[in-house]
Each structure stands twice: as structure tokens, then as C-alpha cells.
N, C-alpha and C. Protein backbone atom coordinates (compact mmCIF):
# COMPACT_ATOMS: atom_id res chain seq x y z
N GLN A 1 -9.08 5.85 5.42
CA GLN A 1 -9.34 7.29 5.64
C GLN A 1 -8.54 7.76 6.85
N VAL A 2 -7.94 8.93 6.74
CA VAL A 2 -7.16 9.53 7.83
C VAL A 2 -7.68 10.93 8.09
N GLN A 3 -7.88 11.25 9.34
CA GLN A 3 -8.28 12.60 9.72
C GLN A 3 -7.12 13.25 10.48
N LEU A 4 -6.87 14.51 10.18
CA LEU A 4 -5.75 15.24 10.77
C LEU A 4 -6.23 16.57 11.33
N VAL A 5 -5.79 16.89 12.55
CA VAL A 5 -6.14 18.15 13.18
C VAL A 5 -4.88 18.79 13.73
N GLU A 6 -4.53 19.97 13.21
CA GLU A 6 -3.34 20.69 13.67
C GLU A 6 -3.69 21.62 14.83
N SER A 7 -2.69 21.89 15.63
CA SER A 7 -2.82 22.88 16.70
C SER A 7 -1.43 23.41 17.04
N GLY A 8 -1.40 24.49 17.81
CA GLY A 8 -0.12 25.01 18.28
C GLY A 8 0.37 26.25 17.58
N GLY A 9 -0.34 26.70 16.55
CA GLY A 9 0.09 27.92 15.88
C GLY A 9 -0.16 29.14 16.75
N GLY A 10 0.35 30.27 16.30
CA GLY A 10 0.15 31.50 17.06
C GLY A 10 1.10 32.57 16.62
N LEU A 11 1.19 33.61 17.44
CA LEU A 11 2.06 34.76 17.18
C LEU A 11 3.29 34.65 18.06
N VAL A 12 4.46 34.81 17.46
CA VAL A 12 5.70 34.72 18.22
C VAL A 12 6.68 35.75 17.65
N GLN A 13 7.56 36.24 18.47
CA GLN A 13 8.58 37.18 18.01
C GLN A 13 9.71 36.43 17.30
N ALA A 14 10.39 37.11 16.42
CA ALA A 14 11.53 36.53 15.74
C ALA A 14 12.54 36.01 16.77
N GLY A 15 13.06 34.83 16.50
CA GLY A 15 13.97 34.19 17.44
C GLY A 15 13.29 33.26 18.42
N GLY A 16 11.98 33.32 18.46
CA GLY A 16 11.23 32.49 19.39
C GLY A 16 10.95 31.10 18.84
N SER A 17 10.16 30.33 19.61
CA SER A 17 9.87 28.94 19.26
C SER A 17 8.37 28.66 19.33
N LEU A 18 7.96 27.69 18.56
CA LEU A 18 6.60 27.16 18.61
C LEU A 18 6.68 25.67 18.35
N ARG A 19 5.74 24.93 18.91
CA ARG A 19 5.62 23.51 18.59
C ARG A 19 4.23 23.24 18.04
N LEU A 20 4.19 22.80 16.80
CA LEU A 20 2.93 22.43 16.18
C LEU A 20 2.67 20.95 16.44
N SER A 21 1.40 20.62 16.62
CA SER A 21 0.98 19.24 16.81
C SER A 21 -0.05 18.89 15.74
N CYS A 22 -0.04 17.62 15.37
CA CYS A 22 -1.00 17.12 14.40
C CYS A 22 -1.54 15.80 14.94
N ALA A 23 -2.78 15.83 15.38
CA ALA A 23 -3.41 14.62 15.91
C ALA A 23 -4.09 13.88 14.78
N GLY A 24 -3.76 12.60 14.65
CA GLY A 24 -4.30 11.82 13.55
C GLY A 24 -5.20 10.70 14.02
N SER A 25 -6.09 10.31 13.17
CA SER A 25 -6.95 9.15 13.44
C SER A 25 -7.22 8.43 12.13
N GLY A 26 -7.67 7.21 12.24
CA GLY A 26 -7.90 6.42 11.05
C GLY A 26 -7.03 5.19 11.05
N ARG A 27 -7.49 4.18 10.33
CA ARG A 27 -6.82 2.89 10.37
C ARG A 27 -5.39 2.93 9.88
N THR A 28 -5.10 3.76 8.90
CA THR A 28 -3.77 3.73 8.28
C THR A 28 -2.84 4.81 8.79
N PHE A 29 -3.27 5.59 9.78
CA PHE A 29 -2.45 6.71 10.23
C PHE A 29 -1.08 6.26 10.67
N SER A 30 -1.02 5.20 11.46
CA SER A 30 0.27 4.77 12.02
C SER A 30 1.22 4.26 10.95
N ARG A 31 0.70 3.91 9.78
CA ARG A 31 1.56 3.41 8.71
C ARG A 31 1.84 4.48 7.65
N SER A 32 1.40 5.70 7.91
CA SER A 32 1.54 6.77 6.92
C SER A 32 2.84 7.54 7.08
N VAL A 33 3.35 7.97 5.94
CA VAL A 33 4.38 8.99 5.95
C VAL A 33 3.70 10.31 6.32
N MET A 34 4.33 11.09 7.16
CA MET A 34 3.74 12.35 7.59
C MET A 34 4.61 13.52 7.14
N GLY A 35 3.94 14.61 6.81
CA GLY A 35 4.68 15.78 6.37
C GLY A 35 4.07 17.06 6.89
N TRP A 36 4.87 18.09 6.84
CA TRP A 36 4.40 19.45 7.13
C TRP A 36 4.72 20.31 5.91
N PHE A 37 3.74 21.06 5.47
CA PHE A 37 3.88 22.05 4.40
C PHE A 37 3.42 23.40 4.95
N ARG A 38 3.77 24.45 4.25
CA ARG A 38 3.31 25.78 4.64
C ARG A 38 2.97 26.60 3.40
N GLN A 39 2.07 27.53 3.60
CA GLN A 39 1.68 28.41 2.51
C GLN A 39 1.54 29.83 3.02
N ALA A 40 2.37 30.70 2.49
CA ALA A 40 2.32 32.12 2.82
C ALA A 40 1.38 32.83 1.85
N PRO A 41 0.85 33.99 2.23
CA PRO A 41 -0.06 34.71 1.34
C PRO A 41 0.58 35.00 0.00
N GLY A 42 -0.14 34.66 -1.06
CA GLY A 42 0.34 34.94 -2.40
C GLY A 42 1.40 33.99 -2.91
N LYS A 43 1.70 32.95 -2.13
CA LYS A 43 2.73 32.00 -2.53
C LYS A 43 2.16 30.59 -2.62
N GLU A 44 2.90 29.73 -3.31
CA GLU A 44 2.49 28.34 -3.41
C GLU A 44 2.80 27.59 -2.12
N ARG A 45 2.07 26.50 -1.93
CA ARG A 45 2.35 25.66 -0.77
C ARG A 45 3.72 25.02 -0.94
N GLU A 46 4.52 25.03 0.13
CA GLU A 46 5.87 24.51 0.03
C GLU A 46 6.16 23.48 1.11
N PHE A 47 7.04 22.57 0.79
CA PHE A 47 7.46 21.51 1.70
C PHE A 47 8.27 22.09 2.86
N VAL A 48 8.04 21.55 4.05
CA VAL A 48 8.81 21.94 5.22
C VAL A 48 9.59 20.75 5.77
N ALA A 49 8.87 19.65 6.05
CA ALA A 49 9.53 18.49 6.66
C ALA A 49 8.68 17.25 6.44
N ALA A 50 9.33 16.08 6.52
CA ALA A 50 8.62 14.81 6.41
C ALA A 50 9.28 13.78 7.30
N ILE A 51 8.50 12.77 7.68
CA ILE A 51 9.01 11.70 8.53
C ILE A 51 8.37 10.39 8.09
N THR A 52 9.16 9.32 8.05
CA THR A 52 8.64 8.02 7.67
C THR A 52 7.74 7.44 8.75
N TRP A 53 7.02 6.35 8.40
CA TRP A 53 6.07 5.80 9.36
C TRP A 53 6.78 5.31 10.62
N SER A 54 8.01 4.83 10.47
CA SER A 54 8.76 4.34 11.63
C SER A 54 9.40 5.46 12.43
N GLY A 55 9.51 6.63 11.81
CA GLY A 55 10.23 7.72 12.44
C GLY A 55 11.73 7.64 12.26
N GLY A 56 12.18 6.63 11.51
CA GLY A 56 13.60 6.43 11.36
C GLY A 56 14.29 7.36 10.39
N SER A 57 13.51 7.97 9.51
CA SER A 57 14.08 8.91 8.54
C SER A 57 13.28 10.20 8.52
N THR A 58 14.00 11.30 8.40
CA THR A 58 13.37 12.61 8.31
C THR A 58 14.00 13.40 7.17
N ASP A 59 13.28 14.39 6.68
CA ASP A 59 13.76 15.24 5.60
C ASP A 59 13.29 16.65 5.88
N TYR A 60 14.12 17.63 5.54
CA TYR A 60 13.80 19.03 5.81
C TYR A 60 14.13 19.90 4.61
N GLU A 61 13.33 20.91 4.45
CA GLU A 61 13.64 21.94 3.48
C GLU A 61 14.90 22.65 3.96
N ASP A 62 15.74 23.05 3.03
CA ASP A 62 17.07 23.55 3.41
C ASP A 62 17.02 24.71 4.40
N SER A 63 16.08 25.62 4.23
CA SER A 63 16.09 26.84 5.06
C SER A 63 15.70 26.56 6.51
N VAL A 64 15.15 25.38 6.81
CA VAL A 64 14.73 25.09 8.18
C VAL A 64 15.63 24.06 8.86
N LYS A 65 16.56 23.48 8.10
CA LYS A 65 17.46 22.48 8.69
C LYS A 65 18.23 23.05 9.87
N GLY A 66 18.28 22.29 10.94
CA GLY A 66 18.98 22.73 12.14
C GLY A 66 18.13 23.57 13.07
N ARG A 67 16.97 24.02 12.60
CA ARG A 67 16.08 24.83 13.44
C ARG A 67 14.74 24.15 13.70
N PHE A 68 14.26 23.38 12.75
CA PHE A 68 12.99 22.68 12.88
C PHE A 68 13.25 21.19 13.08
N THR A 69 12.38 20.54 13.87
CA THR A 69 12.49 19.11 14.09
C THR A 69 11.10 18.48 13.99
N ILE A 70 10.99 17.48 13.12
CA ILE A 70 9.74 16.73 13.01
C ILE A 70 9.89 15.43 13.78
N SER A 71 8.83 15.04 14.47
CA SER A 71 8.85 13.79 15.24
C SER A 71 7.43 13.24 15.30
N ARG A 72 7.32 11.97 15.71
CA ARG A 72 6.00 11.38 15.83
C ARG A 72 5.95 10.48 17.06
N ASP A 73 4.78 10.43 17.65
CA ASP A 73 4.53 9.60 18.82
C ASP A 73 3.38 8.66 18.47
N HIS A 74 3.72 7.40 18.20
CA HIS A 74 2.69 6.46 17.78
C HIS A 74 1.67 6.20 18.89
N ALA A 75 2.12 6.22 20.12
CA ALA A 75 1.20 5.97 21.24
C ALA A 75 0.12 7.04 21.32
N LYS A 76 0.46 8.26 20.90
CA LYS A 76 -0.49 9.37 20.96
C LYS A 76 -1.08 9.69 19.59
N ASN A 77 -0.67 8.95 18.56
CA ASN A 77 -1.13 9.23 17.19
C ASN A 77 -0.93 10.69 16.83
N THR A 78 0.23 11.21 17.14
CA THR A 78 0.50 12.63 16.96
C THR A 78 1.86 12.84 16.31
N VAL A 79 1.90 13.81 15.43
CA VAL A 79 3.15 14.25 14.80
C VAL A 79 3.41 15.69 15.24
N TYR A 80 4.67 16.00 15.48
CA TYR A 80 5.04 17.32 15.96
C TYR A 80 5.99 18.01 15.00
N LEU A 81 5.96 19.33 15.03
CA LEU A 81 6.98 20.12 14.35
C LEU A 81 7.46 21.16 15.35
N GLN A 82 8.64 20.93 15.88
CA GLN A 82 9.27 21.89 16.79
C GLN A 82 10.01 22.92 15.95
N MET A 83 9.67 24.17 16.13
CA MET A 83 10.26 25.24 15.33
C MET A 83 10.99 26.21 16.26
N ASN A 84 12.30 26.29 16.09
CA ASN A 84 13.13 27.18 16.90
C ASN A 84 13.75 28.26 16.03
N SER A 85 14.23 29.30 16.68
CA SER A 85 14.88 30.42 15.97
C SER A 85 14.03 30.88 14.79
N LEU A 86 12.78 31.13 15.06
CA LEU A 86 11.86 31.48 13.99
C LEU A 86 12.19 32.83 13.38
N LYS A 87 11.96 32.91 12.08
CA LYS A 87 12.21 34.13 11.32
C LYS A 87 10.88 34.65 10.75
N PRO A 88 10.78 35.94 10.48
CA PRO A 88 9.54 36.48 9.93
C PRO A 88 9.09 35.79 8.64
N GLU A 89 10.04 35.31 7.85
CA GLU A 89 9.66 34.64 6.60
C GLU A 89 9.01 33.28 6.82
N ALA A 90 8.98 32.81 8.05
CA ALA A 90 8.27 31.57 8.38
C ALA A 90 6.78 31.79 8.54
N THR A 91 6.35 33.03 8.50
CA THR A 91 4.92 33.33 8.63
C THR A 91 4.13 32.68 7.49
N ALA A 92 3.17 31.84 7.88
CA ALA A 92 2.40 31.08 6.90
C ALA A 92 1.33 30.27 7.62
N VAL A 93 0.46 29.67 6.84
CA VAL A 93 -0.42 28.64 7.37
C VAL A 93 0.31 27.31 7.20
N TYR A 94 0.40 26.56 8.28
CA TYR A 94 1.13 25.29 8.28
C TYR A 94 0.11 24.14 8.23
N TYR A 95 0.36 23.22 7.32
CA TYR A 95 -0.54 22.09 7.10
C TYR A 95 0.17 20.78 7.43
N CYS A 96 -0.53 19.93 8.11
CA CYS A 96 -0.09 18.56 8.35
C CYS A 96 -0.67 17.68 7.25
N THR A 97 0.11 16.70 6.82
CA THR A 97 -0.36 15.86 5.74
C THR A 97 0.11 14.42 5.93
N ALA A 98 -0.64 13.49 5.37
CA ALA A 98 -0.32 12.07 5.50
C ALA A 98 -0.43 11.40 4.14
N GLY A 99 0.46 10.45 3.91
CA GLY A 99 0.42 9.75 2.64
C GLY A 99 1.24 8.49 2.68
N GLY A 100 1.35 7.86 1.53
CA GLY A 100 2.07 6.60 1.46
C GLY A 100 3.48 6.71 0.92
N TYR A 101 3.86 7.90 0.44
CA TYR A 101 5.16 8.05 -0.19
C TYR A 101 5.98 9.12 0.52
N TYR A 102 7.22 8.81 0.78
CA TYR A 102 8.15 9.72 1.44
C TYR A 102 8.64 10.68 0.37
N SER A 103 8.13 11.91 0.41
CA SER A 103 8.34 12.82 -0.71
C SER A 103 8.26 14.27 -0.27
N ARG A 104 8.83 15.16 -1.08
CA ARG A 104 8.70 16.60 -0.88
C ARG A 104 7.57 17.17 -1.73
N ARG A 105 6.91 16.33 -2.50
CA ARG A 105 5.87 16.80 -3.39
C ARG A 105 4.52 16.73 -2.72
N ALA A 106 3.78 17.82 -2.77
CA ALA A 106 2.45 17.84 -2.14
C ALA A 106 1.53 16.80 -2.76
N ALA A 107 1.70 16.54 -4.03
CA ALA A 107 0.84 15.59 -4.73
C ALA A 107 1.02 14.15 -4.23
N SER A 108 2.10 13.88 -3.49
CA SER A 108 2.35 12.53 -2.98
C SER A 108 1.54 12.22 -1.73
N TYR A 109 0.91 13.23 -1.17
CA TYR A 109 0.17 13.07 0.08
C TYR A 109 -1.34 13.06 -0.18
N ASP A 110 -2.03 12.21 0.59
CA ASP A 110 -3.45 11.97 0.33
C ASP A 110 -4.39 12.75 1.25
N TYR A 111 -3.93 13.04 2.46
CA TYR A 111 -4.81 13.64 3.46
C TYR A 111 -4.15 14.89 4.03
N TRP A 112 -5.00 15.89 4.27
CA TRP A 112 -4.51 17.19 4.75
C TRP A 112 -5.36 17.67 5.92
N GLY A 113 -4.70 18.34 6.86
CA GLY A 113 -5.43 19.01 7.92
C GLY A 113 -5.94 20.36 7.46
N GLN A 114 -6.58 21.07 8.37
CA GLN A 114 -7.19 22.35 8.01
C GLN A 114 -6.19 23.49 8.07
N GLY A 115 -5.06 23.26 8.67
CA GLY A 115 -4.01 24.28 8.75
C GLY A 115 -4.05 25.06 10.05
N THR A 116 -2.90 25.56 10.45
CA THR A 116 -2.79 26.40 11.64
C THR A 116 -1.88 27.58 11.31
N GLN A 117 -2.29 28.78 11.71
CA GLN A 117 -1.56 29.99 11.35
C GLN A 117 -0.36 30.19 12.28
N VAL A 118 0.77 30.46 11.67
CA VAL A 118 1.98 30.84 12.40
C VAL A 118 2.38 32.23 11.92
N THR A 119 2.52 33.16 12.85
CA THR A 119 2.92 34.51 12.52
C THR A 119 4.15 34.88 13.35
N VAL A 120 5.21 35.27 12.66
CA VAL A 120 6.46 35.64 13.32
C VAL A 120 6.68 37.13 13.11
N SER A 121 6.70 37.87 14.19
CA SER A 121 6.88 39.32 14.10
C SER A 121 8.35 39.67 14.20
N SER A 122 8.72 40.74 13.52
CA SER A 122 10.14 41.17 13.51
C SER A 122 10.42 42.15 14.63
């Protein structure tokens, strides 16, 4: 069992930055693939970024490449999503997720946090 708690969301102007954190607990957290997804009102949940258990490989949705960075700190049992040069279309609820498969598919992940709201004003 893995428990995930996100934090760091908020309101930011376009062009600004936010860093989301996801604190994890549970026996298998350190061996889990971690991901970030987002869901905007009226839209399906979509992949944002993923990182392997070792942190050696990362993957990003095309529209965030070069602006978002996913990382993990095993000592703190925390995964981060640094978001720079934010655009209004990034407005969504952001979810942290953990699973055993390195994938862009939401169905590949077993555990989800409660989500944190990110709002980017124009």
C-alpha cells in the first residue's frame, strides 16, 4: 500500500513558476514508478511526467518538455514537479501517482493522491 499527499499548488501569473511536491509513504514507495497527471474542467485526465524508481529515466508530455522537471528524493520519500514558464492552459488539478510500470497511461498506476489545484492567470 502506498499513500500519496500532494502540495504546492496555487495561483500564479502566466510565465511564473510553481513546484509541486508529493510525499509518499508505504513499503513499496521507494521502488515505485512515479508520475504526475492533470485534469482540467471538462477534460480527461492527461499525462504530464513520469520518473523511474531510480530516477535515472524521465518522460514528459510534449507540451511541457523543457519547462517542467520531475525529480525524486528517496531520503525524503518525495517526488517533485518543477513547473516553469507556466501558461494558462496548464490550469488543472494535478495528481501524483505511483505504480509498477513506467507508462503514460493512467491505468498503469495503482495509487493516486487527492490532487492539488494549479491556476495560471493570463
